[in-house]
Amino acid sequence: MGAGRSRERMGPAELVQAAAMARRFYLEGKSKIQIAEEFGVSRFKVARVLETALERDLVRIEIRVPAELDAERSDALRSRFGLRHAVVVESPLSEPDHSDPENLGAFAADLLGELVQDGDVLGLAWGRSTITLATELRHLPPCTVVQLTGVYDGGTGERGSVEAVRRAAQVSGGDAFPIYAPLMLPDPGTAAALRAHSGIARAIEHFDKVTVAVVPVGAWAPGVSRVYDALSNAERARYAELGVAAEMSAHLFDSEGRLVGRDLEERCITVDADRLRSVPEVVAVAGGARKAAAVAAVLRSGLITSLVTDTAVADHLLHVAEPGRRPAVDRADPAEQG
């Protein structure tokens, strides 16, 4: 009878002990063995007391993340696609179809602050999300920063990726290797000549050393891929016949994640897809419902290890898209390589 009452209600001595043990464990970070030694009980007794403290509401554990960050979708996406990291942020309510919401750049910048280690080589591919990311960077360990692609120049004077590389290098205190050249050239010969230029060649020499890369993703449609926008109607039609569904750094992918239209790479200044596959950590940054199928295609390629996206893309990936056969998590962890 007494035992039954004790289970229903804890006495003052039990309450004091449970509160003290909970404080040691949850706030002071002490182990159950250390607590057991202090109170002269077994570690199993400590475990029971802590469990009871949770059951009786003596201890309340709250998991708080920024309102924009969807932790549940992030974890589900990471698990479903075998990613090393997945970060899902809320899509803007006013413009759910808007490509690459600006909050993606802020969260991608914070993720880089976690991923980049002292001495790494950080590669940044051209893209609006990359430019936003660079402006949001507040901390990076000392690292080298290299530009992975030329810049898009449709007569608008957009050179933001060069400044993004310089900004990241400034934050980290490391060397910068920008590429002062267009992403796409008229023909392979012009592209080859520019690759041999001393300044561009120095940047390209660092491609093999990249340990963390950031790559935007574009859908094969107007306004959501600068490469698509730069091509002629005839070229778009030809690549469409090949089943192009996505573009990433001037590499084209069909819906199954297979590389197609490899001839386009020959007239572009960009990191080779096979080199990207050997980079320990490749972070894709893309959002907006119009890019959902494209992100799924790129994930199936096996080139991506981590993803920063929004809820519009995440819902497509979780409920519509099928994962690829080569989970990116199988790639060697850069922390283990170091």
Protein backbone atom coordinates (compact mmCIF):
# COMPACT_ATOMS: atom_id res chain seq x y z
CA MET A 1 0.00 0.00 0.00
CA GLY A 2 2.79 2.39 1.03
CA ALA A 3 4.75 1.40 -2.09
CA GLY A 4 1.76 2.17 -4.23
CA ARG A 5 1.37 5.63 -2.71
CA SER A 6 5.09 6.34 -3.22
CA ARG A 7 4.73 5.64 -6.92
CA GLU A 8 1.85 8.09 -7.15
CA ARG A 9 3.52 10.84 -5.15
CA MET A 10 7.17 11.56 -4.45
CA GLY A 11 8.12 12.61 -0.96
CA PRO A 12 10.17 15.76 -0.31
CA ALA A 13 13.45 13.82 0.06
CA GLU A 14 12.84 12.06 -3.25
CA LEU A 15 11.93 15.34 -4.93
CA VAL A 16 15.06 17.05 -3.67
CA GLN A 17 17.27 14.15 -4.75
CA ALA A 18 15.62 13.87 -8.16
CA ALA A 19 15.95 17.62 -8.74
CA ALA A 20 19.60 17.57 -7.71
CA MET A 21 20.43 14.60 -9.96
CA ALA A 22 18.55 16.16 -12.87
CA ARG A 23 20.46 19.40 -12.40
CA ARG A 24 23.80 17.52 -12.42
CA PHE A 25 22.85 15.53 -15.53
CA TYR A 26 20.99 18.03 -17.73
CA LEU A 27 22.55 21.36 -16.73
CA GLU A 28 26.03 20.50 -15.46
CA GLY A 29 26.71 17.74 -17.97
CA LYS A 30 27.82 15.13 -15.42
CA SER A 31 27.64 11.44 -16.31
CA LYS A 32 25.37 8.98 -14.52
CA ILE A 33 28.45 7.30 -13.04
CA GLN A 34 29.69 10.60 -11.60
CA ILE A 35 26.27 11.33 -10.12
CA ALA A 36 26.07 7.84 -8.66
CA GLU A 37 29.43 8.29 -6.94
CA GLU A 38 28.39 11.67 -5.51
CA PHE A 39 25.11 10.39 -4.06
CA GLY A 40 26.38 6.94 -3.07
CA VAL A 41 23.94 4.98 -5.23
CA SER A 42 24.22 2.78 -8.32
CA ARG A 43 24.15 4.27 -11.81
CA PHE A 44 21.00 2.20 -12.41
CA LYS A 45 19.35 4.04 -9.52
CA VAL A 46 20.39 7.35 -11.10
CA ALA A 47 18.89 6.26 -14.43
CA ARG A 48 15.59 5.36 -12.71
CA VAL A 49 15.48 8.67 -10.85
CA LEU A 50 16.11 10.65 -14.04
CA GLU A 51 13.42 8.67 -15.86
CA THR A 52 10.98 9.33 -13.02
CA ALA A 53 11.85 13.03 -13.06
CA LEU A 54 10.79 13.16 -16.69
CA GLU A 55 7.61 11.15 -16.08
CA ARG A 56 6.57 13.32 -13.12
CA ASP A 57 7.25 16.55 -15.03
CA LEU A 58 10.08 17.63 -12.74
CA VAL A 59 12.16 18.03 -15.87
CA ARG A 60 10.84 19.43 -19.12
CA ILE A 61 12.98 19.06 -22.22
CA GLU A 62 12.22 21.55 -24.98
CA ILE A 63 13.74 21.35 -28.43
CA ARG A 64 13.86 24.83 -29.84
CA VAL A 65 15.11 25.76 -33.28
CA PRO A 66 14.60 29.00 -35.23
CA ALA A 67 11.03 29.34 -36.44
CA GLU A 68 12.17 29.25 -40.08
CA LEU A 69 13.98 25.92 -39.66
CA ASP A 70 11.86 22.77 -40.10
CA ALA A 71 13.79 20.20 -38.04
CA GLU A 72 11.34 17.35 -38.70
CA ARG A 73 11.44 17.67 -42.47
CA SER A 74 15.22 18.16 -42.34
CA ASP A 75 15.77 14.89 -40.50
CA ALA A 76 13.30 12.99 -42.72
CA LEU A 77 14.99 14.29 -45.87
CA ARG A 78 18.46 13.40 -44.61
CA SER A 79 17.35 9.87 -43.83
CA ARG A 80 15.36 9.26 -47.04
CA PHE A 81 18.12 10.35 -49.42
CA GLY A 82 21.13 9.19 -47.42
CA LEU A 83 22.45 12.72 -47.05
CA ARG A 84 25.09 13.78 -44.57
CA HIS A 85 23.23 17.00 -43.78
CA ALA A 86 19.82 18.34 -44.78
CA VAL A 87 18.54 21.78 -43.81
CA VAL A 88 14.94 22.68 -44.66
CA VAL A 89 13.66 26.23 -44.15
CA GLU A 90 10.14 27.56 -44.50
CA SER A 91 9.12 28.68 -47.99
CA PRO A 92 7.96 32.30 -48.16
CA LEU A 93 4.18 32.40 -47.68
CA SER A 94 3.80 35.28 -50.13
CA GLU A 95 5.80 33.63 -52.93
CA PRO A 96 5.83 29.83 -52.47
CA ASP A 97 7.10 29.31 -56.03
CA HIS A 98 9.89 31.87 -55.74
CA SER A 99 13.24 30.28 -56.58
CA ASP A 100 16.01 30.26 -53.96
CA PRO A 101 14.43 32.27 -51.12
CA GLU A 102 16.98 34.54 -49.49
CA ASN A 103 16.78 32.74 -46.14
CA LEU A 104 18.44 29.74 -47.84
CA GLY A 105 21.64 31.74 -48.12
CA ALA A 106 21.62 32.61 -44.42
CA PHE A 107 21.20 29.00 -43.31
CA ALA A 108 23.74 27.80 -45.90
CA ALA A 109 26.23 30.31 -44.50
CA ASP A 110 25.67 28.98 -40.99
CA LEU A 111 26.07 25.40 -42.25
CA LEU A 112 29.39 26.28 -43.87
CA GLY A 113 30.52 27.68 -40.54
CA GLU A 114 30.00 24.18 -39.13
CA LEU A 115 31.39 22.16 -42.04
CA VAL A 116 34.55 24.03 -43.02
CA GLN A 117 37.63 23.14 -40.98
CA ASP A 118 40.97 24.88 -40.59
CA GLY A 119 43.01 24.32 -43.77
CA ASP A 120 40.09 23.25 -45.98
CA VAL A 121 39.68 24.41 -49.57
CA LEU A 122 36.18 25.83 -50.07
CA GLY A 123 34.78 25.88 -53.62
CA LEU A 124 31.94 28.22 -54.59
CA ALA A 125 30.04 27.81 -57.86
CA TRP A 126 28.25 30.74 -59.44
CA GLY A 127 24.62 31.32 -58.43
CA ARG A 128 22.29 33.79 -56.80
CA SER A 129 22.09 31.65 -53.67
CA THR A 130 25.90 31.60 -53.45
CA ILE A 131 26.01 35.38 -53.61
CA THR A 132 23.42 35.62 -50.82
CA LEU A 133 25.33 33.04 -48.80
CA ALA A 134 28.53 35.08 -49.00
CA THR A 135 26.85 38.23 -47.74
CA GLU A 136 25.53 36.28 -44.72
CA LEU A 137 28.86 34.71 -43.75
CA ARG A 138 29.95 35.70 -40.27
CA HIS A 139 32.52 33.04 -39.43
CA LEU A 140 34.79 30.63 -41.30
CA PRO A 141 37.96 28.93 -40.08
CA PRO A 142 41.12 29.80 -42.02
CA CYS A 143 40.69 28.24 -45.48
CA THR A 144 41.41 28.76 -49.16
CA VAL A 145 38.42 29.85 -51.27
CA VAL A 146 38.27 29.01 -54.96
CA GLN A 147 35.65 29.84 -57.58
CA LEU A 148 34.36 26.69 -59.28
CA THR A 149 32.75 28.27 -62.35
CA GLY A 150 32.91 31.31 -64.51
CA VAL A 151 30.19 33.91 -64.11
CA TYR A 152 26.96 34.42 -65.97
CA ASP A 153 27.01 37.62 -67.95
CA GLY A 154 23.89 38.34 -69.92
CA GLY A 155 24.75 41.97 -70.34
CA THR A 156 23.66 42.71 -66.78
CA GLY A 157 27.13 43.07 -65.34
CA GLU A 158 26.47 40.42 -62.68
CA ARG A 159 29.85 39.53 -61.22
CA GLY A 160 28.62 38.59 -57.78
CA SER A 161 30.38 35.23 -57.58
CA VAL A 162 33.79 36.89 -57.81
CA GLU A 163 32.83 39.10 -54.88
CA ALA A 164 31.41 36.06 -53.07
CA VAL A 165 34.78 34.34 -53.27
CA ARG A 166 36.55 37.45 -52.05
CA ARG A 167 34.03 37.92 -49.23
CA ALA A 168 34.41 34.30 -48.04
CA ALA A 169 38.20 34.60 -48.13
CA GLN A 170 38.02 37.85 -46.20
CA VAL A 171 35.89 36.25 -43.48
CA SER A 172 38.20 33.23 -43.23
CA GLY A 173 41.46 35.14 -43.59
CA GLY A 174 42.55 32.75 -46.36
CA ASP A 175 43.60 33.09 -50.00
CA ALA A 176 41.07 33.76 -52.75
CA PHE A 177 41.19 32.32 -56.27
CA PRO A 178 38.42 34.00 -58.31
CA ILE A 179 37.73 33.38 -61.99
CA TYR A 180 37.37 36.53 -64.08
CA ALA A 181 35.70 34.88 -67.06
CA PRO A 182 32.23 33.99 -68.32
CA LEU A 183 30.70 30.64 -67.44
CA MET A 184 29.71 29.96 -71.05
CA LEU A 185 31.76 30.72 -74.17
CA PRO A 186 30.78 30.65 -77.86
CA ASP A 187 32.80 27.52 -78.64
CA PRO A 188 35.16 24.94 -77.07
CA GLY A 189 38.26 26.61 -78.53
CA THR A 190 37.57 29.92 -76.81
CA ALA A 191 36.85 28.13 -73.55
CA ALA A 192 40.12 26.16 -73.78
CA ALA A 193 42.10 29.34 -74.44
CA LEU A 194 40.62 31.04 -71.39
CA ARG A 195 41.27 28.00 -69.18
CA ALA A 196 44.95 28.32 -70.07
CA HIS A 197 45.06 31.96 -68.96
CA SER A 198 47.37 32.24 -65.95
CA GLY A 199 44.83 33.66 -63.48
CA ILE A 200 42.11 31.18 -64.44
CA ALA A 201 44.58 28.30 -64.56
CA ARG A 202 45.64 29.05 -60.96
CA ALA A 203 42.04 28.71 -59.82
CA ILE A 204 41.51 25.50 -61.82
CA GLU A 205 44.64 24.00 -60.25
CA HIS A 206 42.83 24.14 -56.91
CA PHE A 207 39.80 22.17 -58.11
CA ASP A 208 41.46 18.88 -57.15
CA LYS A 209 42.11 20.23 -53.65
CA VAL A 210 38.54 21.26 -52.84
CA THR A 211 37.20 19.64 -49.67
CA VAL A 212 33.87 21.49 -49.36
CA ALA A 213 31.91 22.73 -52.39
CA VAL A 214 28.71 24.78 -52.65
CA VAL A 215 26.68 24.34 -55.84
CA PRO A 216 23.34 25.90 -56.81
CA VAL A 217 20.81 23.86 -58.81
CA GLY A 218 18.71 25.06 -61.72
CA ALA A 219 15.63 23.59 -63.37
CA TRP A 220 15.55 23.26 -67.15
CA ALA A 221 13.14 26.12 -67.70
CA PRO A 222 13.27 29.89 -68.26
CA GLY A 223 14.09 31.96 -65.21
CA VAL A 224 15.30 29.05 -63.07
CA SER A 225 18.53 28.23 -64.91
CA ARG A 226 20.87 30.91 -66.19
CA VAL A 227 22.43 28.34 -68.51
CA TYR A 228 19.01 27.64 -70.04
CA ASP A 229 18.42 31.37 -70.44
CA ALA A 230 21.79 31.84 -72.18
CA LEU A 231 21.20 29.20 -74.87
CA SER A 232 19.47 29.63 -78.20
CA ASN A 233 16.03 28.13 -78.82
CA ALA A 234 17.58 25.48 -81.05
CA GLU A 235 20.08 24.49 -78.34
CA ARG A 236 17.36 24.31 -75.70
CA ALA A 237 15.28 22.09 -77.94
CA ARG A 238 18.23 19.76 -78.60
CA TYR A 239 18.99 19.33 -74.91
CA ALA A 240 15.30 18.91 -74.14
CA GLU A 241 15.28 15.94 -76.53
CA LEU A 242 18.00 14.39 -74.35
CA GLY A 243 15.64 14.59 -71.39
CA VAL A 244 17.41 17.34 -69.45
CA ALA A 245 15.64 17.95 -66.14
CA ALA A 246 18.27 19.83 -64.15
CA GLU A 247 21.40 21.92 -64.47
CA MET A 248 24.18 22.33 -61.94
CA SER A 249 27.30 24.37 -62.74
CA ALA A 250 26.63 23.85 -66.48
CA HIS A 251 26.33 20.06 -66.05
CA LEU A 252 23.05 18.67 -67.37
CA PHE A 253 21.12 15.80 -65.76
CA ASP A 254 18.09 13.79 -66.84
CA SER A 255 15.37 12.90 -64.35
CA GLU A 256 17.26 9.79 -63.24
CA GLY A 257 20.36 11.80 -62.38
CA ARG A 258 22.40 10.72 -65.41
CA LEU A 259 24.75 13.24 -67.00
CA VAL A 260 23.64 14.15 -70.53
CA GLY A 261 24.65 16.76 -73.08
CA ARG A 262 28.33 16.56 -72.11
CA ASP A 263 29.27 18.69 -75.10
CA LEU A 264 28.00 21.78 -73.26
CA GLU A 265 30.76 21.39 -70.66
CA GLU A 266 33.40 21.77 -73.38
CA ARG A 267 32.41 25.40 -73.98
CA CYS A 268 32.05 26.26 -70.29
CA ILE A 269 34.50 27.15 -67.56
CA THR A 270 33.37 24.93 -64.72
CA VAL A 271 34.57 22.24 -62.37
CA ASP A 272 34.37 18.78 -63.93
CA ALA A 273 31.54 16.57 -62.68
CA ASP A 274 33.95 13.72 -61.94
CA ARG A 275 36.01 16.06 -59.76
CA LEU A 276 32.87 17.06 -57.89
CA ARG A 277 32.19 13.38 -57.23
CA SER A 278 35.52 13.13 -55.43
CA VAL A 279 34.93 16.20 -53.22
CA PRO A 280 34.23 14.97 -49.66
CA GLU A 281 31.40 17.46 -49.00
CA VAL A 282 29.21 18.90 -51.78
CA VAL A 283 26.39 21.13 -50.55
CA ALA A 284 23.56 21.90 -52.97
CA VAL A 285 21.52 25.04 -52.30
CA ALA A 286 18.18 25.36 -54.09
CA GLY A 287 14.57 26.15 -53.25
CA GLY A 288 11.18 26.94 -54.74
CA ALA A 289 8.54 24.58 -56.13
CA ARG A 290 9.77 25.13 -59.70
CA LYS A 291 13.10 23.54 -58.77
CA ALA A 292 11.72 20.53 -56.89
CA ALA A 293 12.05 17.97 -59.69
CA ALA A 294 15.48 19.33 -60.62
CA VAL A 295 16.77 18.92 -57.06
CA ALA A 296 15.46 15.34 -57.06
CA ALA A 297 17.36 14.63 -60.30
CA VAL A 298 20.62 16.04 -58.95
CA LEU A 299 20.26 14.05 -55.72
CA ARG A 300 19.89 10.86 -57.78
CA SER A 301 23.22 11.61 -59.47
CA GLY A 302 25.12 10.80 -56.28
CA LEU A 303 27.14 14.02 -56.56
CA ILE A 304 25.51 15.71 -53.56
CA THR A 305 26.28 14.94 -49.92
CA SER A 306 24.24 17.72 -48.26
CA LEU A 307 21.28 19.92 -49.16
CA VAL A 308 19.93 23.30 -48.07
CA THR A 309 16.39 23.75 -49.39
CA ASP A 310 12.89 24.91 -48.49
CA THR A 311 9.63 23.20 -47.55
CA ALA A 312 8.27 23.38 -51.12
CA VAL A 313 11.16 21.25 -52.41
CA ALA A 314 11.29 19.06 -49.31
CA ASP A 315 7.63 18.05 -49.63
CA HIS A 316 8.20 16.96 -53.22
CA LEU A 317 11.29 14.99 -52.24
CA LEU A 318 9.57 13.31 -49.29
CA HIS A 319 6.24 12.49 -50.91
CA VAL A 320 6.78 12.31 -54.68
CA ALA A 321 10.41 11.70 -55.62
CA GLU A 322 12.11 8.34 -55.28
CA PRO A 323 15.67 8.27 -53.85
CA GLY A 324 18.57 7.31 -56.06
CA ARG A 325 20.52 4.07 -55.81
CA ARG A 326 23.76 5.70 -54.62
CA PRO A 327 23.27 7.42 -51.27
CA ALA A 328 25.73 10.26 -50.87
CA VAL A 329 26.41 9.28 -47.26
CA ASP A 330 28.55 6.41 -48.58
CA ARG A 331 31.18 8.97 -49.58
CA ALA A 332 34.09 9.34 -47.17
CA ASP A 333 33.44 11.83 -44.38
CA PRO A 334 35.89 14.76 -44.64
CA ALA A 335 36.38 14.71 -40.86
CA GLU A 336 37.55 11.10 -41.07
CA GLN A 337 39.91 11.93 -43.97
CA GLY A 338 41.53 14.74 -42.03
